[in-house]
Structure formats: structure tokens, C-alpha cells
Amino acid sequence: MKSFETFVNKYHKRWIRDDEDIDAVAYSIVNSFTREQCIDLIAELSDEELHQVVAELVMEQVKELLISGDNGDQGLLH
């Protein structure tokens, strides 16, 4: 995935070894991307990578729904 390698190389000095820091830095960088840049990055994913990204998104959305109780319940996860 060429864009991903470019992405990592461009921001490599901002990457920190701690997983939580990596998450925060990655979110911050990706949040600054335009919609088109995000779509370009996604377009380069293999089918397996795309499925992983979508599965992660679905899992996070379901967790948030269950925690918040927006589904009409008090929230199933506490």
C-alpha cells in the first residue's frame, strides 16, 4: 500500500512507541485528511485490509452503542 508507506514515512518522527500515543497521533493525522485523501488511502487497500478496516469500524460502533444505551436500553456494557 504505497500511500500508507508514504504516510508512515512522512510522519515517522511523530510516532511514539506507546500504543495509546500511536492511536492518538494516527487519529490526529488522519483527522486532518480531506475526504478525498481518505478515499484514496482506502482505494489502495487489499480486500483483506478493507474488510479489517470495516470490521474495526463496525466493532467500535457496536461497542459505543452498547455502552451509551442509545439503542433504548441503559447500555449493555458498563
PDB file of N, CA and C in Angstrom:
ATOM      1  N   MET A   1       0.853  -1.166   0.000  1.00  0.00           N
ATOM      2  CA  MET A   1       0.000   0.000   0.000  1.00  0.00           C
ATOM      3  C   MET A   1       0.900   1.231   0.000  1.00  0.00           C
ATOM      4  N   LYS A   2       1.111   1.806  -1.145  1.00  0.00           N
ATOM      5  CA  LYS A   2       2.053   2.898  -1.330  1.00  0.00           C
ATOM      6  C   LYS A   2       1.727   4.124  -0.469  1.00  0.00           C
ATOM      7  N   SER A   3       0.472   4.536  -0.443  1.00  0.00           N
ATOM      8  CA  SER A   3       0.098   5.715   0.337  1.00  0.00           C
ATOM      9  C   SER A   3       0.355   5.512   1.819  1.00  0.00           C
ATOM     10  N   PHE A   4       0.121   4.293   2.306  1.00  0.00           N
ATOM     11  CA  PHE A   4       0.358   4.022   3.719  1.00  0.00           C
ATOM     12  C   PHE A   4       1.840   4.150   4.042  1.00  0.00           C
ATOM     13  N   GLU A   5       2.703   3.632   3.171  1.00  0.00           N
ATOM     14  CA  GLU A   5       4.151   3.752   3.381  1.00  0.00           C
ATOM     15  C   GLU A   5       4.561   5.223   3.354  1.00  0.00           C
ATOM     16  N   THR A   6       4.012   5.984   2.432  1.00  0.00           N
ATOM     17  CA  THR A   6       4.291   7.420   2.363  1.00  0.00           C
ATOM     18  C   THR A   6       3.824   8.106   3.633  1.00  0.00           C
ATOM     19  N   PHE A   7       2.644   7.733   4.095  1.00  0.00           N
ATOM     20  CA  PHE A   7       2.062   8.271   5.322  1.00  0.00           C
ATOM     21  C   PHE A   7       2.995   8.023   6.512  1.00  0.00           C
ATOM     22  N   VAL A   8       3.443   6.787   6.677  1.00  0.00           N
ATOM     23  CA  VAL A   8       4.319   6.442   7.803  1.00  0.00           C
ATOM     24  C   VAL A   8       5.647   7.178   7.687  1.00  0.00           C
ATOM     25  N   ASN A   9       6.214   7.212   6.496  1.00  0.00           N
ATOM     26  CA  ASN A   9       7.493   7.900   6.315  1.00  0.00           C
ATOM     27  C   ASN A   9       7.379   9.391   6.573  1.00  0.00           C
ATOM     28  N   LYS A  10       6.287   9.995   6.150  1.00  0.00           N
ATOM     29  CA  LYS A  10       6.099  11.431   6.332  1.00  0.00           C
ATOM     30  C   LYS A  10       5.990  11.812   7.808  1.00  0.00           C
ATOM     31  N   TYR A  11       5.311  10.957   8.586  1.00  0.00           N
ATOM     32  CA  TYR A  11       5.052  11.286   9.979  1.00  0.00           C
ATOM     33  C   TYR A  11       5.861  10.450  10.966  1.00  0.00           C
ATOM     34  N   HIS A  12       6.895   9.758  10.499  1.00  0.00           N
ATOM     35  CA  HIS A  12       7.601   8.819  11.370  1.00  0.00           C
ATOM     36  C   HIS A  12       8.169   9.457  12.633  1.00  0.00           C
ATOM     37  N   LYS A  13       8.521  10.717  12.592  1.00  0.00           N
ATOM     38  CA  LYS A  13       9.063  11.361  13.789  1.00  0.00           C
ATOM     39  C   LYS A  13       7.994  11.623  14.841  1.00  0.00           C
ATOM     40  N   ARG A  14       6.726  11.610  14.440  1.00  0.00           N
ATOM     41  CA  ARG A  14       5.639  11.826  15.401  1.00  0.00           C
ATOM     42  C   ARG A  14       5.179  10.526  16.049  1.00  0.00           C
ATOM     43  N   TRP A  15       5.577   9.375  15.476  1.00  0.00           N
ATOM     44  CA  TRP A  15       5.156   8.094  16.049  1.00  0.00           C
ATOM     45  C   TRP A  15       5.886   7.862  17.356  1.00  0.00           C
ATOM     46  N   ILE A  16       5.172   7.403  18.306  1.00  0.00           N
ATOM     47  CA  ILE A  16       5.713   7.120  19.636  1.00  0.00           C
ATOM     48  C   ILE A  16       5.471   5.653  19.898  1.00  0.00           C
ATOM     49  N   ARG A  17       6.299   5.030  20.686  1.00  0.00           N
ATOM     50  CA  ARG A  17       6.220   3.581  20.870  1.00  0.00           C
ATOM     51  C   ARG A  17       4.983   3.129  21.645  1.00  0.00           C
ATOM     52  N   ASP A  18       4.442   3.935  22.490  1.00  0.00           N
ATOM     53  CA  ASP A  18       3.283   3.571  23.287  1.00  0.00           C
ATOM     54  C   ASP A  18       2.049   3.453  22.390  1.00  0.00           C
ATOM     55  N   ASP A  19       1.316   2.345  22.512  1.00  0.00           N
ATOM     56  CA  ASP A  19       0.143   2.109  21.656  1.00  0.00           C
ATOM     57  C   ASP A  19      -0.889   3.218  21.746  1.00  0.00           C
ATOM     58  N   GLU A  20      -1.135   3.715  22.951  1.00  0.00           N
ATOM     59  CA  GLU A  20      -2.128   4.782  23.099  1.00  0.00           C
ATOM     60  C   GLU A  20      -1.667   6.051  22.404  1.00  0.00           C
ATOM     61  N   ASP A  21      -0.368   6.337  22.493  1.00  0.00           N
ATOM     62  CA  ASP A  21       0.165   7.513  21.808  1.00  0.00           C
ATOM     63  C   ASP A  21       0.074   7.343  20.298  1.00  0.00           C
ATOM     64  N   ILE A  22       0.357   6.136  19.821  1.00  0.00           N
ATOM     65  CA  ILE A  22       0.262   5.863  18.392  1.00  0.00           C
ATOM     66  C   ILE A  22      -1.172   6.073  17.922  1.00  0.00           C
ATOM     67  N   ASP A  23      -2.131   5.590  18.700  1.00  0.00           N
ATOM     68  CA  ASP A  23      -3.541   5.783  18.352  1.00  0.00           C
ATOM     69  C   ASP A  23      -3.884   7.257  18.265  1.00  0.00           C
ATOM     70  N   ALA A  24      -3.444   8.035  19.246  1.00  0.00           N
ATOM     71  CA  ALA A  24      -3.753   9.470  19.277  1.00  0.00           C
ATOM     72  C   ALA A  24      -3.101  10.199  18.111  1.00  0.00           C
ATOM     73  N   VAL A  25      -1.854   9.881  17.821  1.00  0.00           N
ATOM     74  CA  VAL A  25      -1.154  10.530  16.715  1.00  0.00           C
ATOM     75  C   VAL A  25      -1.805  10.148  15.393  1.00  0.00           C
ATOM     76  N   ALA A  26      -2.103   8.861  15.216  1.00  0.00           N
ATOM     77  CA  ALA A  26      -2.736   8.412  13.970  1.00  0.00           C
ATOM     78  C   ALA A  26      -4.087   9.098  13.781  1.00  0.00           C
ATOM     79  N   TYR A  27      -4.878   9.159  14.842  1.00  0.00           N
ATOM     80  CA  TYR A  27      -6.184   9.816  14.737  1.00  0.00           C
ATOM     81  C   TYR A  27      -6.015  11.288  14.372  1.00  0.00           C
ATOM     82  N   SER A  28      -5.077  11.952  15.000  1.00  0.00           N
ATOM     83  CA  SER A  28      -4.839  13.365  14.737  1.00  0.00           C
ATOM     84  C   SER A  28      -4.439  13.598  13.280  1.00  0.00           C
ATOM     85  N   ILE A  29      -3.552  12.764  12.778  1.00  0.00           N
ATOM     86  CA  ILE A  29      -3.088  12.923  11.398  1.00  0.00           C
ATOM     87  C   ILE A  29      -4.217  12.628  10.422  1.00  0.00           C
ATOM     88  N   VAL A  30      -4.901  11.502  10.603  1.00  0.00           N
ATOM     89  CA  VAL A  30      -5.975  11.122   9.686  1.00  0.00           C
ATOM     90  C   VAL A  30      -7.123  12.122   9.756  1.00  0.00           C
ATOM     91  N   ASN A  31      -7.373  12.669  10.928  1.00  0.00           N
ATOM     92  CA  ASN A  31      -8.433  13.657  11.087  1.00  0.00           C
ATOM     93  C   ASN A  31      -8.167  14.918  10.264  1.00  0.00           C
ATOM     94  N   SER A  32      -6.904  15.168   9.941  1.00  0.00           N
ATOM     95  CA  SER A  32      -6.569  16.345   9.137  1.00  0.00           C
ATOM     96  C   SER A  32      -6.687  16.072   7.639  1.00  0.00           C
ATOM     97  N   PHE A  33      -6.898  14.802   7.252  1.00  0.00           N
ATOM     98  CA  PHE A  33      -7.046  14.444   5.841  1.00  0.00           C
ATOM     99  C   PHE A  33      -8.379  14.937   5.298  1.00  0.00           C
ATOM    100  N   THR A  34      -8.384  15.248   4.037  1.00  0.00           N
ATOM    101  CA  THR A  34      -9.650  15.549   3.366  1.00  0.00           C
ATOM    102  C   THR A  34     -10.369  14.226   3.090  1.00  0.00           C
ATOM    103  N   ARG A  35     -11.629  14.318   2.756  1.00  0.00           N
ATOM    104  CA  ARG A  35     -12.402  13.120   2.391  1.00  0.00           C
ATOM    105  C   ARG A  35     -11.734  12.396   1.220  1.00  0.00           C
ATOM    106  N   GLU A  36     -11.287  13.167   0.246  1.00  0.00           N
ATOM    107  CA  GLU A  36     -10.650  12.584  -0.935  1.00  0.00           C
ATOM    108  C   GLU A  36      -9.362  11.847  -0.567  1.00  0.00           C
ATOM    109  N   GLN A  37      -8.574  12.403   0.345  1.00  0.00           N
ATOM    110  CA  GLN A  37      -7.355  11.728   0.777  1.00  0.00           C
ATOM    111  C   GLN A  37      -7.684  10.415   1.482  1.00  0.00           C
ATOM    112  N   CYS A  38      -8.725  10.415   2.282  1.00  0.00           N
ATOM    113  CA  CYS A  38      -9.143   9.183   2.961  1.00  0.00           C
ATOM    114  C   CYS A  38      -9.593   8.138   1.942  1.00  0.00           C
ATOM    115  N   ILE A  39     -10.375   8.557   0.973  1.00  0.00           N
ATOM    116  CA  ILE A  39     -10.859   7.635  -0.051  1.00  0.00           C
ATOM    117  C   ILE A  39      -9.689   7.096  -0.873  1.00  0.00           C
ATOM    118  N   ASP A  40      -8.724   7.943  -1.193  1.00  0.00           N
ATOM    119  CA  ASP A  40      -7.549   7.485  -1.931  1.00  0.00           C
ATOM    120  C   ASP A  40      -6.791   6.421  -1.142  1.00  0.00           C
ATOM    121  N   LEU A  41      -6.653   6.638   0.152  1.00  0.00           N
ATOM    122  CA  LEU A  41      -5.955   5.672   1.002  1.00  0.00           C
ATOM    123  C   LEU A  41      -6.725   4.355   1.047  1.00  0.00           C
ATOM    124  N   ILE A  42      -8.028   4.436   1.201  1.00  0.00           N
ATOM    125  CA  ILE A  42      -8.871   3.237   1.249  1.00  0.00           C
ATOM    126  C   ILE A  42      -8.841   2.499  -0.090  1.00  0.00           C
ATOM    127  N   ALA A  43      -8.793   3.233  -1.195  1.00  0.00           N
ATOM    128  CA  ALA A  43      -8.796   2.612  -2.520  1.00  0.00           C
ATOM    129  C   ALA A  43      -7.576   1.723  -2.735  1.00  0.00           C
ATOM    130  N   GLU A  44      -6.507   1.982  -2.026  1.00  0.00           N
ATOM    131  CA  GLU A  44      -5.289   1.192  -2.175  1.00  0.00           C
ATOM    132  C   GLU A  44      -5.268  -0.062  -1.303  1.00  0.00           C
ATOM    133  N   LEU A  45      -6.258  -0.216  -0.434  1.00  0.00           N
ATOM    134  CA  LEU A  45      -6.285  -1.384   0.444  1.00  0.00           C
ATOM    135  C   LEU A  45      -6.594  -2.653  -0.337  1.00  0.00           C
ATOM    136  N   SER A  46      -5.996  -3.751   0.118  1.00  0.00           N
ATOM    137  CA  SER A  46      -6.374  -5.051  -0.438  1.00  0.00           C
ATOM    138  C   SER A  46      -7.761  -5.389   0.105  1.00  0.00           C
ATOM    139  N   ASP A  47      -8.389  -6.409  -0.449  1.00  0.00           N
ATOM    140  CA  ASP A  47      -9.702  -6.817   0.049  1.00  0.00           C
ATOM    141  C   ASP A  47      -9.635  -7.163   1.528  1.00  0.00           C
ATOM    142  N   GLU A  48      -8.598  -7.885   1.924  1.00  0.00           N
ATOM    143  CA  GLU A  48      -8.454  -8.277   3.330  1.00  0.00           C
ATOM    144  C   GLU A  48      -8.290  -7.052   4.235  1.00  0.00           C
ATOM    145  N   GLU A  49      -7.468  -6.098   3.812  1.00  0.00           N
ATOM    146  CA  GLU A  49      -7.267  -4.883   4.594  1.00  0.00           C
ATOM    147  C   GLU A  49      -8.562  -4.082   4.701  1.00  0.00           C
ATOM    148  N   LEU A  50      -9.299  -3.999   3.610  1.00  0.00           N
ATOM    149  CA  LEU A  50     -10.570  -3.281   3.616  1.00  0.00           C
ATOM    150  C   LEU A  50     -11.553  -3.933   4.580  1.00  0.00           C
ATOM    151  N   HIS A  51     -11.617  -5.258   4.554  1.00  0.00           N
ATOM    152  CA  HIS A  51     -12.500  -5.976   5.479  1.00  0.00           C
ATOM    153  C   HIS A  51     -12.089  -5.716   6.930  1.00  0.00           C
ATOM    154  N   GLN A  52     -10.790  -5.671   7.198  1.00  0.00           N
ATOM    155  CA  GLN A  52     -10.318  -5.387   8.551  1.00  0.00           C
ATOM    156  C   GLN A  52     -10.724  -3.993   8.998  1.00  0.00           C
ATOM    157  N   VAL A  53     -10.580  -3.020   8.114  1.00  0.00           N
ATOM    158  CA  VAL A  53     -10.945  -1.639   8.444  1.00  0.00           C
ATOM    159  C   VAL A  53     -12.441  -1.539   8.725  1.00  0.00           C
ATOM    160  N   VAL A  54     -13.250  -2.132   7.873  1.00  0.00           N
ATOM    161  CA  VAL A  54     -14.698  -2.071   8.047  1.00  0.00           C
ATOM    162  C   VAL A  54     -15.116  -2.822   9.310  1.00  0.00           C
ATOM    163  N   ALA A  55     -14.518  -3.978   9.557  1.00  0.00           N
ATOM    164  CA  ALA A  55     -14.837  -4.743  10.767  1.00  0.00           C
ATOM    165  C   ALA A  55     -14.487  -3.943  12.018  1.00  0.00           C
ATOM    166  N   GLU A  56     -13.360  -3.272  12.013  1.00  0.00           N
ATOM    167  CA  GLU A  56     -12.960  -2.444  13.159  1.00  0.00           C
ATOM    168  C   GLU A  56     -13.962  -1.312  13.374  1.00  0.00           C
ATOM    169  N   LEU A  57     -14.392  -0.678  12.307  1.00  0.00           N
ATOM    170  CA  LEU A  57     -15.378   0.392  12.399  1.00  0.00           C
ATOM    171  C   LEU A  57     -16.687  -0.128  12.965  1.00  0.00           C
ATOM    172  N   VAL A  58     -17.154  -1.258  12.472  1.00  0.00           N
ATOM    173  CA  VAL A  58     -18.402  -1.846  12.951  1.00  0.00           C
ATOM    174  C   VAL A  58     -18.282  -2.216  14.431  1.00  0.00           C
ATOM    175  N   MET A  59     -17.166  -2.840  14.812  1.00  0.00           N
ATOM    176  CA  MET A  59     -16.974  -3.220  16.217  1.00  0.00           C
ATOM    177  C   MET A  59     -17.002  -2.004  17.134  1.00  0.00           C
ATOM    178  N   GLU A  60     -16.336  -0.939  16.732  1.00  0.00           N
ATOM    179  CA  GLU A  60     -16.304   0.273  17.557  1.00  0.00           C
ATOM    180  C   GLU A  60     -17.683   0.905  17.660  1.00  0.00           C
ATOM    181  N   GLN A  61     -18.426   0.922  16.559  1.00  0.00           N
ATOM    182  CA  GLN A  61     -19.765   1.498  16.573  1.00  0.00           C
ATOM    183  C   GLN A  61     -20.703   0.685  17.465  1.00  0.00           C
ATOM    184  N   VAL A  62     -20.617  -0.641  17.383  1.00  0.00           N
ATOM    185  CA  VAL A  62     -21.459  -1.502  18.216  1.00  0.00           C
ATOM    186  C   VAL A  62     -21.092  -1.318  19.690  1.00  0.00           C
ATOM    187  N   LYS A  63     -19.807  -1.269  20.011  1.00  0.00           N
ATOM    188  CA  LYS A  63     -19.380  -1.055  21.398  1.00  0.00           C
ATOM    189  C   LYS A  63     -19.925   0.271  21.922  1.00  0.00           C
ATOM    190  N   GLU A  64     -19.819   1.311  21.122  1.00  0.00           N
ATOM    191  CA  GLU A  64     -20.294   2.630  21.541  1.00  0.00           C
ATOM    192  C   GLU A  64     -21.802   2.603  21.776  1.00  0.00           C
ATOM    193  N   LEU A  65     -22.528   1.946  20.892  1.00  0.00           N
ATOM    194  CA  LEU A  65     -23.971   1.834  21.039  1.00  0.00           C
ATOM    195  C   LEU A  65     -24.335   1.079  22.313  1.00  0.00           C
ATOM    196  N   LEU A  66     -23.635  -0.022  22.576  1.00  0.00           N
ATOM    197  CA  LEU A  66     -23.931  -0.823  23.762  1.00  0.00           C
ATOM    198  C   LEU A  66     -23.554  -0.095  25.052  1.00  0.00           C
ATOM    199  N   ILE A  67     -22.484   0.660  25.015  1.00  0.00           N
ATOM    200  CA  ILE A  67     -22.060   1.405  26.201  1.00  0.00           C
ATOM    201  C   ILE A  67     -22.996   2.574  26.478  1.00  0.00           C
ATOM    202  N   SER A  68     -23.384   3.287  25.431  1.00  0.00           N
ATOM    203  CA  SER A  68     -24.179   4.503  25.611  1.00  0.00           C
ATOM    204  C   SER A  68     -25.646   4.219  25.885  1.00  0.00           C
ATOM    205  N   GLY A  69     -26.123   3.078  25.463  1.00  0.00           N
ATOM    206  CA  GLY A  69     -27.532   2.764  25.648  1.00  0.00           C
ATOM    207  C   GLY A  69     -28.427   3.475  24.659  1.00  0.00           C
ATOM    208  N   ASP A  70     -27.858   3.981  23.559  1.00  0.00           N
ATOM    209  CA  ASP A  70     -28.655   4.672  22.546  1.00  0.00           C
ATOM    210  C   ASP A  70     -29.647   3.752  21.849  1.00  0.00           C
ATOM    211  N   ASN A  71     -29.558   2.473  22.126  1.00  0.00           N
ATOM    212  CA  ASN A  71     -30.484   1.540  21.496  1.00  0.00           C
ATOM    213  C   ASN A  71     -31.772   1.375  22.315  1.00  0.00           C
ATOM    214  N   GLY A  72     -31.995   2.266  23.279  1.00  0.00           N
ATOM    215  CA  GLY A  72     -33.193   2.213  24.100  1.00  0.00           C
ATOM    216  C   GLY A  72     -32.977   1.537  25.442  1.00  0.00           C
ATOM    217  N   ASP A  73     -31.856   0.872  25.595  1.00  0.00           N
ATOM    218  CA  ASP A  73     -31.511   0.243  26.874  1.00  0.00           C
ATOM    219  C   ASP A  73     -30.687   1.206  27.703  1.00  0.00           C
ATOM    220  N   GLN A  74     -30.336   0.764  28.868  1.00  0.00           N
ATOM    221  CA  GLN A  74     -29.458   1.567  29.724  1.00  0.00           C
ATOM    222  C   GLN A  74     -28.000   1.422  29.289  1.00  0.00           C
ATOM    223  N   GLY A  75     -27.740   0.625  28.316  1.00  0.00           N
ATOM    224  CA  GLY A  75     -26.380   0.306  27.909  1.00  0.00           C
ATOM    225  C   GLY A  75     -26.056  -1.073  28.441  1.00  0.00           C
ATOM    226  N   LEU A  76     -25.624  -1.938  27.586  1.00  0.00           N
ATOM    227  CA  LEU A  76     -25.392  -3.303  27.996  1.00  0.00           C
ATOM    228  C   LEU A  76     -23.999  -3.517  28.576  1.00  0.00           C
ATOM    229  N   LEU A  77     -23.057  -2.675  28.194  1.00  0.00           N
ATOM    230  CA  LEU A  77     -21.693  -2.784  28.709  1.00  0.00           C
ATOM    231  C   LEU A  77     -21.474  -1.663  29.720  1.00  0.00           C
ATOM    232  N   HIS A  78     -20.912  -1.986  30.839  1.00  0.00           N
ATOM    233  CA  HIS A  78     -20.684  -0.957  31.860  1.00  0.00           C
ATOM    234  C   HIS A  78     -19.232  -0.839  32.183  1.00  0.00           C
TER     235      HIS A  78
END
